[in-house]
Amino acid sequence: MRCYDKLLEFKKKFPGTVIWRAKKHCKVIDKHLNPNEELLYVFGGQLNNDVWDVIESGVVAITTERLMVARDFVWPGYKFISITPDLYNDLAIKSGILWGTVEIDTIKETVWVSDISKKAMFEIETIVTTFMEEKKKEYGDKPDFGPKK
Protein backbone atom coordinates (compact mmCIF):
# COMPACT_ATOMS: atom_id res chain seq x y z
CA MET A 1 0.00 0.00 0.00
CA ARG A 2 1.45 3.35 -1.00
CA CYS A 3 1.79 6.42 1.22
CA TYR A 4 -1.38 8.20 0.10
CA ASP A 5 -3.54 5.14 0.82
CA LYS A 6 -2.11 4.98 4.35
CA LEU A 7 -2.69 8.70 4.82
CA LEU A 8 -6.32 8.34 3.71
CA GLU A 9 -6.79 5.68 6.41
CA PHE A 10 -5.46 8.16 8.98
CA LYS A 11 -7.62 11.03 7.66
CA LYS A 12 -10.73 8.83 7.71
CA LYS A 13 -10.05 7.84 11.31
CA PHE A 14 -9.11 11.39 12.42
CA PRO A 15 -10.96 13.82 10.10
CA GLY A 16 -10.11 16.99 12.07
CA THR A 17 -6.50 16.99 10.86
CA VAL A 18 -5.54 19.93 8.60
CA ILE A 19 -3.43 18.91 5.58
CA TRP A 20 -3.35 20.26 2.04
CA ARG A 21 -1.78 18.81 -1.13
CA ALA A 22 -1.50 15.41 0.54
CA LYS A 23 -0.99 13.46 -2.70
CA LYS A 24 2.02 15.60 -3.60
CA HIS A 25 3.63 15.13 -0.18
CA CYS A 26 3.03 11.38 -0.34
CA LYS A 27 4.72 11.16 -3.74
CA VAL A 28 7.92 12.43 -2.10
CA ILE A 29 7.72 9.63 0.49
CA ASP A 30 7.07 7.03 -2.22
CA LYS A 31 10.05 8.31 -4.20
CA HIS A 32 12.43 7.87 -1.24
CA LEU A 33 11.30 4.41 -0.14
CA ASN A 34 14.11 1.86 -0.39
CA PRO A 35 13.38 -1.36 -2.34
CA ASN A 36 12.83 -3.57 0.75
CA GLU A 37 11.28 -0.85 2.93
CA GLU A 38 7.58 -1.04 3.81
CA LEU A 39 5.24 1.68 5.03
CA LEU A 40 3.79 0.92 8.46
CA TYR A 41 1.97 4.13 9.42
CA VAL A 42 1.43 7.58 7.90
CA PHE A 43 0.04 10.78 9.40
CA GLY A 44 0.09 14.39 8.30
CA GLY A 45 -0.46 17.94 9.39
CA GLN A 46 1.35 21.26 9.31
CA LEU A 47 5.14 21.03 9.53
CA ASN A 48 5.50 23.86 12.01
CA ASN A 49 4.83 24.71 15.65
CA ASP A 50 2.09 27.28 14.98
CA VAL A 51 -1.49 26.01 14.92
CA TRP A 52 -2.63 29.11 13.03
CA ASP A 53 -0.10 28.65 10.20
CA VAL A 54 -1.93 26.25 7.87
CA ILE A 55 0.10 26.56 4.67
CA GLU A 56 3.05 24.25 5.46
CA SER A 57 1.43 20.84 5.12
CA GLY A 58 3.47 17.66 5.08
CA VAL A 59 3.43 13.98 5.97
CA VAL A 60 5.31 11.71 8.36
CA ALA A 61 5.73 8.05 7.48
CA ILE A 62 6.99 5.25 9.66
CA THR A 63 8.62 2.51 7.64
CA THR A 64 10.26 -0.76 8.59
CA GLU A 65 13.58 1.15 8.82
CA ARG A 66 13.02 4.79 9.78
CA LEU A 67 10.79 7.85 10.09
CA MET A 68 10.39 9.90 6.92
CA VAL A 69 9.12 13.49 6.77
CA ALA A 70 8.17 15.07 3.45
CA ARG A 71 6.79 18.32 2.14
CA ASP A 72 6.33 19.11 -1.54
CA PHE A 73 6.68 22.82 -2.28
CA VAL A 74 4.18 24.72 -4.43
CA TRP A 75 7.15 25.94 -6.46
CA PRO A 76 9.49 23.27 -7.85
CA GLY A 77 11.22 21.22 -5.20
CA TYR A 78 10.54 19.50 -1.92
CA LYS A 79 11.91 18.90 1.57
CA PHE A 80 12.66 15.39 2.79
CA ILE A 81 14.01 14.31 6.19
CA SER A 82 15.06 10.77 7.09
CA ILE A 83 15.22 10.00 10.82
CA THR A 84 16.93 6.72 11.62
CA PRO A 85 16.44 5.24 15.10
CA ASP A 86 20.01 6.06 16.16
CA LEU A 87 19.31 9.79 15.57
CA TYR A 88 15.94 9.79 17.39
CA ASN A 89 15.85 11.31 20.89
CA ASP A 90 12.23 11.53 21.96
CA LEU A 91 8.71 12.60 21.14
CA ALA A 92 6.45 15.14 22.85
CA ILE A 93 2.72 15.58 22.43
CA LYS A 94 0.89 18.85 23.03
CA SER A 95 -2.88 19.01 22.99
CA GLY A 96 -4.59 22.37 22.60
CA ILE A 97 -8.17 23.55 22.34
CA LEU A 98 -8.67 22.53 18.70
CA TRP A 99 -5.68 20.41 17.61
CA GLY A 100 -2.63 18.61 18.83
CA THR A 101 1.06 18.97 17.99
CA VAL A 102 3.69 16.26 17.75
CA GLU A 103 7.30 17.24 18.46
CA ILE A 104 9.92 14.77 17.20
CA ASP A 105 13.32 15.55 18.71
CA THR A 106 16.41 14.20 16.96
CA ILE A 107 20.13 14.69 17.49
CA LYS A 108 20.26 17.09 14.53
CA GLU A 109 16.92 18.89 14.56
CA THR A 110 13.38 19.08 15.85
CA VAL A 111 10.37 18.34 13.64
CA TRP A 112 6.94 19.68 14.57
CA VAL A 113 3.69 18.46 13.08
CA SER A 114 0.71 20.55 14.18
CA ASP A 115 -3.00 20.89 13.45
CA ILE A 116 -3.56 17.17 14.00
CA SER A 117 -6.86 15.90 15.38
CA LYS A 118 -6.57 15.75 19.17
CA LYS A 119 -8.03 12.25 19.05
CA ALA A 120 -4.96 11.04 17.12
CA MET A 121 -2.39 12.06 19.75
CA PHE A 122 -2.47 8.83 21.78
CA GLU A 123 -2.23 6.62 18.68
CA ILE A 124 0.66 8.60 17.15
CA GLU A 125 2.61 8.62 20.42
CA THR A 126 2.12 4.89 20.95
CA ILE A 127 3.08 3.89 17.40
CA VAL A 128 6.14 6.16 17.08
CA THR A 129 7.47 5.41 20.56
CA THR A 130 6.96 1.65 20.27
CA PHE A 131 8.60 1.55 16.84
CA MET A 132 11.61 3.59 17.94
CA GLU A 133 12.09 1.60 21.16
CA GLU A 134 12.15 -1.66 19.22
CA LYS A 135 14.44 -0.33 16.48
CA LYS A 136 16.87 1.27 18.97
CA LYS A 137 17.42 -2.17 20.51
CA GLU A 138 18.91 -3.25 17.17
CA TYR A 139 21.39 -0.36 17.35
CA GLY A 140 22.37 -1.12 20.97
CA ASP A 141 24.96 -3.80 20.15
CA LYS A 142 26.81 -1.86 17.44
CA PRO A 143 30.28 -0.53 18.29
CA ASP A 144 30.78 3.16 18.99
CA PHE A 145 33.42 4.68 16.70
CA GLY A 146 33.13 8.15 18.20
CA PRO A 147 35.98 10.08 19.83
CA LYS A 148 37.47 8.53 22.97
CA LYS A 149 37.34 10.59 26.16
C-alpha atoms as a PDB file:
ATOM      1  CA  MET A   1       0.000   0.000   0.000  1.00  0.00           C
ATOM      2  CA  ARG A   2       1.453   3.351  -1.000  1.00  0.00           C
ATOM      3  CA  CYS A   3       1.792   6.416   1.216  1.00  0.00           C
ATOM      4  CA  TYR A   4      -1.381   8.203   0.099  1.00  0.00           C
ATOM      5  CA  ASP A   5      -3.539   5.137   0.818  1.00  0.00           C
ATOM      6  CA  LYS A   6      -2.109   4.979   4.350  1.00  0.00           C
ATOM      7  CA  LEU A   7      -2.691   8.703   4.824  1.00  0.00           C
ATOM      8  CA  LEU A   8      -6.318   8.338   3.714  1.00  0.00           C
ATOM      9  CA  GLU A   9      -6.786   5.676   6.413  1.00  0.00           C
ATOM     10  CA  PHE A  10      -5.456   8.160   8.978  1.00  0.00           C
ATOM     11  CA  LYS A  11      -7.624  11.030   7.664  1.00  0.00           C
ATOM     12  CA  LYS A  12     -10.734   8.832   7.709  1.00  0.00           C
ATOM     13  CA  LYS A  13     -10.054   7.836  11.308  1.00  0.00           C
ATOM     14  CA  PHE A  14      -9.112  11.390  12.423  1.00  0.00           C
ATOM     15  CA  PRO A  15     -10.961  13.824  10.101  1.00  0.00           C
ATOM     16  CA  GLY A  16     -10.111  16.988  12.075  1.00  0.00           C
ATOM     17  CA  THR A  17      -6.504  16.993  10.861  1.00  0.00           C
ATOM     18  CA  VAL A  18      -5.542  19.926   8.597  1.00  0.00           C
ATOM     19  CA  ILE A  19      -3.433  18.912   5.583  1.00  0.00           C
ATOM     20  CA  TRP A  20      -3.352  20.264   2.039  1.00  0.00           C
ATOM     21  CA  ARG A  21      -1.781  18.815  -1.130  1.00  0.00           C
ATOM     22  CA  ALA A  22      -1.498  15.412   0.544  1.00  0.00           C
ATOM     23  CA  LYS A  23      -0.991  13.457  -2.695  1.00  0.00           C
ATOM     24  CA  LYS A  24       2.018  15.604  -3.603  1.00  0.00           C
ATOM     25  CA  HIS A  25       3.634  15.127  -0.178  1.00  0.00           C
ATOM     26  CA  CYS A  26       3.034  11.381  -0.337  1.00  0.00           C
ATOM     27  CA  LYS A  27       4.721  11.157  -3.738  1.00  0.00           C
ATOM     28  CA  VAL A  28       7.918  12.435  -2.098  1.00  0.00           C
ATOM     29  CA  ILE A  29       7.720   9.632   0.488  1.00  0.00           C
ATOM     30  CA  ASP A  30       7.068   7.027  -2.220  1.00  0.00           C
ATOM     31  CA  LYS A  31      10.048   8.311  -4.205  1.00  0.00           C
ATOM     32  CA  HIS A  32      12.427   7.872  -1.241  1.00  0.00           C
ATOM     33  CA  LEU A  33      11.298   4.407  -0.140  1.00  0.00           C
ATOM     34  CA  ASN A  34      14.111   1.863  -0.395  1.00  0.00           C
ATOM     35  CA  PRO A  35      13.379  -1.364  -2.336  1.00  0.00           C
ATOM     36  CA  ASN A  36      12.828  -3.569   0.746  1.00  0.00           C
ATOM     37  CA  GLU A  37      11.280  -0.854   2.930  1.00  0.00           C
ATOM     38  CA  GLU A  38       7.585  -1.036   3.810  1.00  0.00           C
ATOM     39  CA  LEU A  39       5.235   1.678   5.029  1.00  0.00           C
ATOM     40  CA  LEU A  40       3.789   0.920   8.457  1.00  0.00           C
ATOM     41  CA  TYR A  41       1.970   4.128   9.423  1.00  0.00           C
ATOM     42  CA  VAL A  42       1.427   7.582   7.904  1.00  0.00           C
ATOM     43  CA  PHE A  43       0.045  10.782   9.399  1.00  0.00           C
ATOM     44  CA  GLY A  44       0.090  14.394   8.299  1.00  0.00           C
ATOM     45  CA  GLY A  45      -0.460  17.944   9.392  1.00  0.00           C
ATOM     46  CA  GLN A  46       1.347  21.264   9.308  1.00  0.00           C
ATOM     47  CA  LEU A  47       5.141  21.027   9.532  1.00  0.00           C
ATOM     48  CA  ASN A  48       5.496  23.862  12.012  1.00  0.00           C
ATOM     49  CA  ASN A  49       4.830  24.713  15.652  1.00  0.00           C
ATOM     50  CA  ASP A  50       2.090  27.281  14.978  1.00  0.00           C
ATOM     51  CA  VAL A  51      -1.488  26.005  14.917  1.00  0.00           C
ATOM     52  CA  TRP A  52      -2.627  29.106  13.030  1.00  0.00           C
ATOM     53  CA  ASP A  53      -0.102  28.646  10.197  1.00  0.00           C
ATOM     54  CA  VAL A  54      -1.932  26.254   7.873  1.00  0.00           C
ATOM     55  CA  ILE A  55       0.102  26.559   4.667  1.00  0.00           C
ATOM     56  CA  GLU A  56       3.049  24.251   5.458  1.00  0.00           C
ATOM     57  CA  SER A  57       1.428  20.835   5.125  1.00  0.00           C
ATOM     58  CA  GLY A  58       3.473  17.664   5.077  1.00  0.00           C
ATOM     59  CA  VAL A  59       3.435  13.980   5.967  1.00  0.00           C
ATOM     60  CA  VAL A  60       5.308  11.713   8.358  1.00  0.00           C
ATOM     61  CA  ALA A  61       5.728   8.053   7.475  1.00  0.00           C
ATOM     62  CA  ILE A  62       6.986   5.249   9.661  1.00  0.00           C
ATOM     63  CA  THR A  63       8.617   2.511   7.645  1.00  0.00           C
ATOM     64  CA  THR A  64      10.257  -0.757   8.590  1.00  0.00           C
ATOM     65  CA  GLU A  65      13.577   1.151   8.821  1.00  0.00           C
ATOM     66  CA  ARG A  66      13.018   4.793   9.784  1.00  0.00           C
ATOM     67  CA  LEU A  67      10.795   7.849  10.094  1.00  0.00           C
ATOM     68  CA  MET A  68      10.389   9.901   6.920  1.00  0.00           C
ATOM     69  CA  VAL A  69       9.122  13.494   6.774  1.00  0.00           C
ATOM     70  CA  ALA A  70       8.170  15.072   3.449  1.00  0.00           C
ATOM     71  CA  ARG A  71       6.792  18.325   2.145  1.00  0.00           C
ATOM     72  CA  ASP A  72       6.327  19.112  -1.544  1.00  0.00           C
ATOM     73  CA  PHE A  73       6.681  22.822  -2.277  1.00  0.00           C
ATOM     74  CA  VAL A  74       4.176  24.720  -4.431  1.00  0.00           C
ATOM     75  CA  TRP A  75       7.154  25.941  -6.458  1.00  0.00           C
ATOM     76  CA  PRO A  76       9.486  23.269  -7.849  1.00  0.00           C
ATOM     77  CA  GLY A  77      11.223  21.221  -5.196  1.00  0.00           C
ATOM     78  CA  TYR A  78      10.541  19.499  -1.923  1.00  0.00           C
ATOM     79  CA  LYS A  79      11.915  18.897   1.570  1.00  0.00           C
ATOM     80  CA  PHE A  80      12.663  15.387   2.794  1.00  0.00           C
ATOM     81  CA  ILE A  81      14.006  14.311   6.185  1.00  0.00           C
ATOM     82  CA  SER A  82      15.059  10.774   7.093  1.00  0.00           C
ATOM     83  CA  ILE A  83      15.222   9.997  10.824  1.00  0.00           C
ATOM     84  CA  THR A  84      16.930   6.722  11.619  1.00  0.00           C
ATOM     85  CA  PRO A  85      16.438   5.238  15.097  1.00  0.00           C
ATOM     86  CA  ASP A  86      20.012   6.060  16.157  1.00  0.00           C
ATOM     87  CA  LEU A  87      19.305   9.786  15.567  1.00  0.00           C
ATOM     88  CA  TYR A  88      15.942   9.794  17.386  1.00  0.00           C
ATOM     89  CA  ASN A  89      15.850  11.310  20.888  1.00  0.00           C
ATOM     90  CA  ASP A  90      12.229  11.532  21.962  1.00  0.00           C
ATOM     91  CA  LEU A  91       8.710  12.605  21.145  1.00  0.00           C
ATOM     92  CA  ALA A  92       6.455  15.136  22.847  1.00  0.00           C
ATOM     93  CA  ILE A  93       2.717  15.577  22.434  1.00  0.00           C
ATOM     94  CA  LYS A  94       0.891  18.847  23.029  1.00  0.00           C
ATOM     95  CA  SER A  95      -2.878  19.010  22.993  1.00  0.00           C
ATOM     96  CA  GLY A  96      -4.585  22.366  22.604  1.00  0.00           C
ATOM     97  CA  ILE A  97      -8.168  23.549  22.337  1.00  0.00           C
ATOM     98  CA  LEU A  98      -8.666  22.530  18.702  1.00  0.00           C
ATOM     99  CA  TRP A  99      -5.676  20.413  17.610  1.00  0.00           C
ATOM    100  CA  GLY A 100      -2.633  18.608  18.832  1.00  0.00           C
ATOM    101  CA  THR A 101       1.058  18.972  17.992  1.00  0.00           C
ATOM    102  CA  VAL A 102       3.695  16.259  17.752  1.00  0.00           C
ATOM    103  CA  GLU A 103       7.305  17.243  18.455  1.00  0.00           C
ATOM    104  CA  ILE A 104       9.916  14.772  17.205  1.00  0.00           C
ATOM    105  CA  ASP A 105      13.315  15.555  18.709  1.00  0.00           C
ATOM    106  CA  THR A 106      16.406  14.196  16.964  1.00  0.00           C
ATOM    107  CA  ILE A 107      20.125  14.687  17.487  1.00  0.00           C
ATOM    108  CA  LYS A 108      20.262  17.087  14.532  1.00  0.00           C
ATOM    109  CA  GLU A 109      16.922  18.894  14.561  1.00  0.00           C
ATOM    110  CA  THR A 110      13.379  19.084  15.849  1.00  0.00           C
ATOM    111  CA  VAL A 111      10.374  18.343  13.636  1.00  0.00           C
ATOM    112  CA  TRP A 112       6.940  19.676  14.570  1.00  0.00           C
ATOM    113  CA  VAL A 113       3.692  18.461  13.081  1.00  0.00           C
ATOM    114  CA  SER A 114       0.710  20.549  14.178  1.00  0.00           C
ATOM    115  CA  ASP A 115      -3.000  20.889  13.449  1.00  0.00           C
ATOM    116  CA  ILE A 116      -3.563  17.168  13.997  1.00  0.00           C
ATOM    117  CA  SER A 117      -6.859  15.904  15.376  1.00  0.00           C
ATOM    118  CA  LYS A 118      -6.572  15.746  19.175  1.00  0.00           C
ATOM    119  CA  LYS A 119      -8.029  12.246  19.049  1.00  0.00           C
ATOM    120  CA  ALA A 120      -4.956  11.039  17.117  1.00  0.00           C
ATOM    121  CA  MET A 121      -2.393  12.058  19.754  1.00  0.00           C
ATOM    122  CA  PHE A 122      -2.470   8.830  21.781  1.00  0.00           C
ATOM    123  CA  GLU A 123      -2.226   6.621  18.681  1.00  0.00           C
ATOM    124  CA  ILE A 124       0.663   8.601  17.153  1.00  0.00           C
ATOM    125  CA  GLU A 125       2.615   8.619  20.424  1.00  0.00           C
ATOM    126  CA  THR A 126       2.125   4.893  20.946  1.00  0.00           C
ATOM    127  CA  ILE A 127       3.079   3.889  17.403  1.00  0.00           C
ATOM    128  CA  VAL A 128       6.139   6.155  17.076  1.00  0.00           C
ATOM    129  CA  THR A 129       7.469   5.412  20.558  1.00  0.00           C
ATOM    130  CA  THR A 130       6.955   1.652  20.268  1.00  0.00           C
ATOM    131  CA  PHE A 131       8.597   1.547  16.836  1.00  0.00           C
ATOM    132  CA  MET A 132      11.611   3.587  17.941  1.00  0.00           C
ATOM    133  CA  GLU A 133      12.090   1.605  21.163  1.00  0.00           C
ATOM    134  CA  GLU A 134      12.149  -1.662  19.224  1.00  0.00           C
ATOM    135  CA  LYS A 135      14.439  -0.335  16.482  1.00  0.00           C
ATOM    136  CA  LYS A 136      16.865   1.268  18.970  1.00  0.00           C
ATOM    137  CA  LYS A 137      17.422  -2.166  20.511  1.00  0.00           C
ATOM    138  CA  GLU A 138      18.905  -3.248  17.173  1.00  0.00           C
ATOM    139  CA  TYR A 139      21.386  -0.359  17.353  1.00  0.00           C
ATOM    140  CA  GLY A 140      22.369  -1.117  20.965  1.00  0.00           C
ATOM    141  CA  ASP A 141      24.960  -3.804  20.150  1.00  0.00           C
ATOM    142  CA  LYS A 142      26.807  -1.863  17.444  1.00  0.00           C
ATOM    143  CA  PRO A 143      30.279  -0.526  18.290  1.00  0.00           C
ATOM    144  CA  ASP A 144      30.783   3.163  18.993  1.00  0.00           C
ATOM    145  CA  PHE A 145      33.417   4.684  16.696  1.00  0.00           C
ATOM    146  CA  GLY A 146      33.125   8.152  18.202  1.00  0.00           C
ATOM    147  CA  PRO A 147      35.984  10.077  19.833  1.00  0.00           C
ATOM    148  CA  LYS A 148      37.471   8.533  22.972  1.00  0.00           C
ATOM    149  CA  LYS A 149      37.341  10.586  26.163  1.00  0.00           C
END
